[in-house]
Structure formats: structure tokens, C-alpha cells
Amino acid sequence: IFDRPEFRSWVSPDFPTGSAKLLWIHGPAGFGKTILCSRVVEHLLSEIGAPIAHFFFSSDFKSREDPYIAIRSRIFQVI
């Protein structure tokens, strides 16, 4: 993923400042989205040193399905 043009554009300092820096990764269950996203988080924290807020939804836990929990988690991470 780190060599894909979409990712490189997304992490580029030239990314338009008026745009949301949101990377949306989607796909069917079991295709490795969580693993991929956790690698992206690790990469951003260690290689780039970027401040990030993240949340992993999960159908296994009811509390991880609630969009309000996701928003609350992201707010908590940035303050």
C-alpha cells in the first residue's frame, strides 16, 4: 500500500489543505482490512511521525459498531 499513488498522494505534504485527510479502506470480511490499516497506523506513527486519530470498527463487538463511539474515540485522540 505504501507505494500506491493514492497512498503517496494522501501522505504528501502537497495534499490540498482544504480537503479532509481521510483514507477509506473497504472490502469484504476476511480480506485483511484491519491488518492493512494497523500497518498504515504503525507507518504513520514511526516513519512519518504524523499525528493521527484512528478507530477500528468491528462486527464482533456491539460497542465497536456504534458511529458515535468512533467519533468520541477520534475526539479523545486529538485532545
N, C-alpha and C. Protein backbone atom coordinates (compact mmCIF):
# COMPACT_ATOMS: atom_id res chain seq x y z
N ILE A 1 0.83 -1.21 0.00
CA ILE A 1 0.00 0.00 0.00
C ILE A 1 0.86 1.26 0.00
N PHE A 2 2.04 1.20 0.61
CA PHE A 2 2.86 2.39 0.76
C PHE A 2 3.40 2.92 -0.57
N ASP A 3 3.43 2.08 -1.60
CA ASP A 3 3.90 2.51 -2.92
C ASP A 3 2.77 2.89 -3.87
N ARG A 4 1.55 2.73 -3.44
CA ARG A 4 0.42 3.07 -4.32
C ARG A 4 0.29 4.59 -4.45
N PRO A 5 -0.03 5.08 -5.65
CA PRO A 5 -0.15 6.53 -5.85
C PRO A 5 -1.19 7.17 -4.94
N GLU A 6 -2.28 6.45 -4.65
CA GLU A 6 -3.32 7.00 -3.78
C GLU A 6 -2.78 7.26 -2.37
N PHE A 7 -1.99 6.32 -1.87
CA PHE A 7 -1.43 6.48 -0.53
C PHE A 7 -0.38 7.58 -0.52
N ARG A 8 0.50 7.58 -1.53
CA ARG A 8 1.56 8.59 -1.59
C ARG A 8 0.98 10.00 -1.69
N SER A 9 -0.08 10.14 -2.45
CA SER A 9 -0.74 11.44 -2.56
C SER A 9 -1.36 11.83 -1.22
N TRP A 10 -1.95 10.86 -0.55
CA TRP A 10 -2.62 11.10 0.72
C TRP A 10 -1.65 11.55 1.81
N VAL A 11 -0.43 11.00 1.84
CA VAL A 11 0.54 11.38 2.87
C VAL A 11 1.43 12.53 2.43
N SER A 12 1.31 12.97 1.20
CA SER A 12 2.14 14.04 0.67
C SER A 12 1.83 15.37 1.36
N PRO A 13 2.88 16.15 1.64
CA PRO A 13 2.62 17.49 2.20
C PRO A 13 1.91 18.40 1.20
N ASP A 14 1.89 18.01 -0.07
CA ASP A 14 1.22 18.80 -1.10
C ASP A 14 -0.27 18.51 -1.19
N PHE A 15 -0.77 17.59 -0.35
CA PHE A 15 -2.20 17.27 -0.33
C PHE A 15 -2.97 18.56 -0.06
N PRO A 16 -4.03 18.84 -0.82
CA PRO A 16 -4.77 20.10 -0.63
C PRO A 16 -5.21 20.30 0.82
N THR A 17 -4.90 21.46 1.37
CA THR A 17 -5.21 21.71 2.78
C THR A 17 -6.70 21.86 3.04
N GLY A 18 -7.48 22.19 2.03
CA GLY A 18 -8.91 22.34 2.22
C GLY A 18 -9.66 21.01 2.16
N SER A 19 -8.93 19.93 1.94
CA SER A 19 -9.55 18.61 1.82
C SER A 19 -9.33 17.80 3.08
N ALA A 20 -10.28 16.94 3.38
CA ALA A 20 -10.14 16.04 4.53
C ALA A 20 -9.09 14.98 4.22
N LYS A 21 -8.23 14.71 5.19
CA LYS A 21 -7.22 13.66 5.00
C LYS A 21 -7.79 12.37 5.57
N LEU A 22 -8.63 11.76 4.79
CA LEU A 22 -9.30 10.53 5.18
C LEU A 22 -8.93 9.45 4.18
N LEU A 23 -8.40 8.35 4.66
CA LEU A 23 -8.08 7.21 3.80
C LEU A 23 -9.12 6.14 4.08
N TRP A 24 -9.94 5.84 3.08
CA TRP A 24 -11.03 4.89 3.24
C TRP A 24 -10.61 3.56 2.65
N ILE A 25 -10.53 2.54 3.49
CA ILE A 25 -10.18 1.20 3.03
C ILE A 25 -11.40 0.32 3.27
N HIS A 26 -11.89 -0.31 2.22
CA HIS A 26 -13.10 -1.12 2.35
C HIS A 26 -12.94 -2.42 1.58
N GLY A 27 -13.74 -3.38 1.92
CA GLY A 27 -13.72 -4.67 1.26
C GLY A 27 -14.50 -5.69 2.07
N PRO A 28 -14.67 -6.87 1.53
CA PRO A 28 -15.41 -7.93 2.22
C PRO A 28 -14.70 -8.38 3.50
N ALA A 29 -15.47 -9.00 4.37
CA ALA A 29 -14.91 -9.55 5.62
C ALA A 29 -13.82 -10.57 5.30
N GLY A 30 -12.76 -10.52 6.07
CA GLY A 30 -11.69 -11.51 5.92
C GLY A 30 -10.65 -11.19 4.86
N PHE A 31 -10.69 -10.00 4.28
CA PHE A 31 -9.74 -9.65 3.23
C PHE A 31 -8.52 -8.89 3.76
N GLY A 32 -8.40 -8.71 5.07
CA GLY A 32 -7.20 -8.11 5.66
C GLY A 32 -7.22 -6.61 5.84
N LYS A 33 -8.41 -6.03 5.87
CA LYS A 33 -8.51 -4.58 6.04
C LYS A 33 -7.93 -4.13 7.37
N THR A 34 -8.23 -4.84 8.44
CA THR A 34 -7.74 -4.46 9.77
C THR A 34 -6.22 -4.56 9.83
N ILE A 35 -5.66 -5.62 9.27
CA ILE A 35 -4.20 -5.78 9.25
C ILE A 35 -3.57 -4.65 8.45
N LEU A 36 -4.13 -4.37 7.28
CA LEU A 36 -3.61 -3.30 6.43
C LEU A 36 -3.68 -1.96 7.15
N CYS A 37 -4.80 -1.68 7.77
CA CYS A 37 -4.96 -0.41 8.48
C CYS A 37 -4.01 -0.29 9.67
N SER A 38 -3.80 -1.38 10.38
CA SER A 38 -2.87 -1.32 11.52
C SER A 38 -1.45 -1.06 11.04
N ARG A 39 -1.08 -1.59 9.87
CA ARG A 39 0.24 -1.31 9.29
C ARG A 39 0.35 0.16 8.89
N VAL A 40 -0.73 0.71 8.34
CA VAL A 40 -0.73 2.13 7.97
C VAL A 40 -0.56 2.99 9.21
N VAL A 41 -1.27 2.67 10.29
CA VAL A 41 -1.13 3.42 11.54
C VAL A 41 0.30 3.34 12.05
N GLU A 42 0.88 2.14 12.08
CA GLU A 42 2.27 1.98 12.51
C GLU A 42 3.21 2.80 11.64
N HIS A 43 3.01 2.76 10.34
CA HIS A 43 3.85 3.51 9.40
C HIS A 43 3.77 5.01 9.67
N LEU A 44 2.57 5.51 9.83
CA LEU A 44 2.40 6.94 10.06
C LEU A 44 3.04 7.38 11.37
N LEU A 45 2.91 6.56 12.39
CA LEU A 45 3.48 6.91 13.69
C LEU A 45 5.00 6.82 13.70
N SER A 46 5.57 5.78 13.11
CA SER A 46 7.01 5.57 13.20
C SER A 46 7.80 6.23 12.08
N GLU A 47 7.34 6.13 10.86
CA GLU A 47 8.11 6.64 9.73
C GLU A 47 7.89 8.12 9.48
N ILE A 48 6.69 8.57 9.67
CA ILE A 48 6.36 9.95 9.33
C ILE A 48 6.24 10.81 10.58
N GLY A 49 5.91 10.21 11.70
CA GLY A 49 5.72 10.96 12.93
C GLY A 49 4.47 11.83 12.88
N ALA A 50 3.51 11.42 12.07
CA ALA A 50 2.30 12.21 11.89
C ALA A 50 1.33 11.99 13.04
N PRO A 51 0.67 13.07 13.50
CA PRO A 51 -0.39 12.87 14.48
C PRO A 51 -1.61 12.28 13.77
N ILE A 52 -2.15 11.23 14.32
CA ILE A 52 -3.29 10.58 13.68
C ILE A 52 -4.34 10.22 14.70
N ALA A 53 -5.56 10.12 14.23
CA ALA A 53 -6.66 9.59 15.03
C ALA A 53 -7.24 8.44 14.23
N HIS A 54 -7.48 7.32 14.88
CA HIS A 54 -7.98 6.15 14.16
C HIS A 54 -8.98 5.39 15.02
N PHE A 55 -9.79 4.61 14.35
CA PHE A 55 -10.78 3.78 15.03
C PHE A 55 -11.04 2.56 14.16
N PHE A 56 -11.07 1.39 14.76
CA PHE A 56 -11.35 0.16 14.03
C PHE A 56 -12.76 -0.32 14.40
N PHE A 57 -13.65 -0.32 13.42
CA PHE A 57 -14.98 -0.87 13.63
C PHE A 57 -14.88 -2.39 13.69
N SER A 58 -15.81 -3.03 14.36
CA SER A 58 -15.81 -4.48 14.44
C SER A 58 -17.24 -4.99 14.58
N SER A 59 -17.57 -5.98 13.79
CA SER A 59 -18.90 -6.58 13.92
C SER A 59 -18.94 -7.60 15.05
N ASP A 60 -17.77 -7.92 15.61
CA ASP A 60 -17.70 -8.88 16.72
C ASP A 60 -18.11 -8.29 18.06
N PHE A 61 -18.00 -6.97 18.18
CA PHE A 61 -18.32 -6.29 19.43
C PHE A 61 -19.33 -5.18 19.15
N LYS A 62 -20.46 -5.23 19.81
CA LYS A 62 -21.50 -4.22 19.60
C LYS A 62 -20.98 -2.80 19.82
N SER A 63 -20.14 -2.62 20.83
CA SER A 63 -19.63 -1.28 21.13
C SER A 63 -18.73 -0.75 20.01
N ARG A 64 -18.18 -1.64 19.18
CA ARG A 64 -17.30 -1.22 18.09
C ARG A 64 -18.06 -1.01 16.79
N GLU A 65 -19.39 -1.08 16.84
CA GLU A 65 -20.22 -0.82 15.66
C GLU A 65 -20.84 0.57 15.69
N ASP A 66 -20.84 1.20 16.83
CA ASP A 66 -21.53 2.47 17.04
C ASP A 66 -20.72 3.64 16.48
N PRO A 67 -21.25 4.38 15.50
CA PRO A 67 -20.50 5.51 14.94
C PRO A 67 -20.23 6.61 15.96
N TYR A 68 -21.08 6.74 16.97
CA TYR A 68 -20.84 7.75 18.00
C TYR A 68 -19.62 7.40 18.85
N ILE A 69 -19.41 6.11 19.07
CA ILE A 69 -18.21 5.67 19.79
C ILE A 69 -16.97 6.00 18.96
N ALA A 70 -17.05 5.82 17.65
CA ALA A 70 -15.93 6.14 16.77
C ALA A 70 -15.60 7.63 16.83
N ILE A 71 -16.62 8.46 16.77
CA ILE A 71 -16.41 9.91 16.84
C ILE A 71 -15.82 10.30 18.18
N ARG A 72 -16.36 9.75 19.25
CA ARG A 72 -15.84 10.04 20.59
C ARG A 72 -14.38 9.61 20.71
N SER A 73 -14.05 8.46 20.16
CA SER A 73 -12.68 7.97 20.20
C SER A 73 -11.74 8.91 19.44
N ARG A 74 -12.15 9.36 18.28
CA ARG A 74 -11.31 10.26 17.49
C ARG A 74 -11.12 11.59 18.21
N ILE A 75 -12.16 12.12 18.82
CA ILE A 75 -12.04 13.38 19.57
C ILE A 75 -11.07 13.20 20.73
N PHE A 76 -11.20 12.11 21.45
CA PHE A 76 -10.32 11.83 22.58
C PHE A 76 -8.86 11.75 22.13
N GLN A 77 -8.61 11.19 20.95
CA GLN A 77 -7.24 11.04 20.46
C GLN A 77 -6.59 12.36 20.06
N VAL A 78 -7.38 13.34 19.67
CA VAL A 78 -6.79 14.60 19.21
C VAL A 78 -6.69 15.66 20.31
N ILE A 79 -7.34 15.43 21.45
CA ILE A 79 -7.21 16.43 22.52
C ILE A 79 -6.18 16.01 23.54
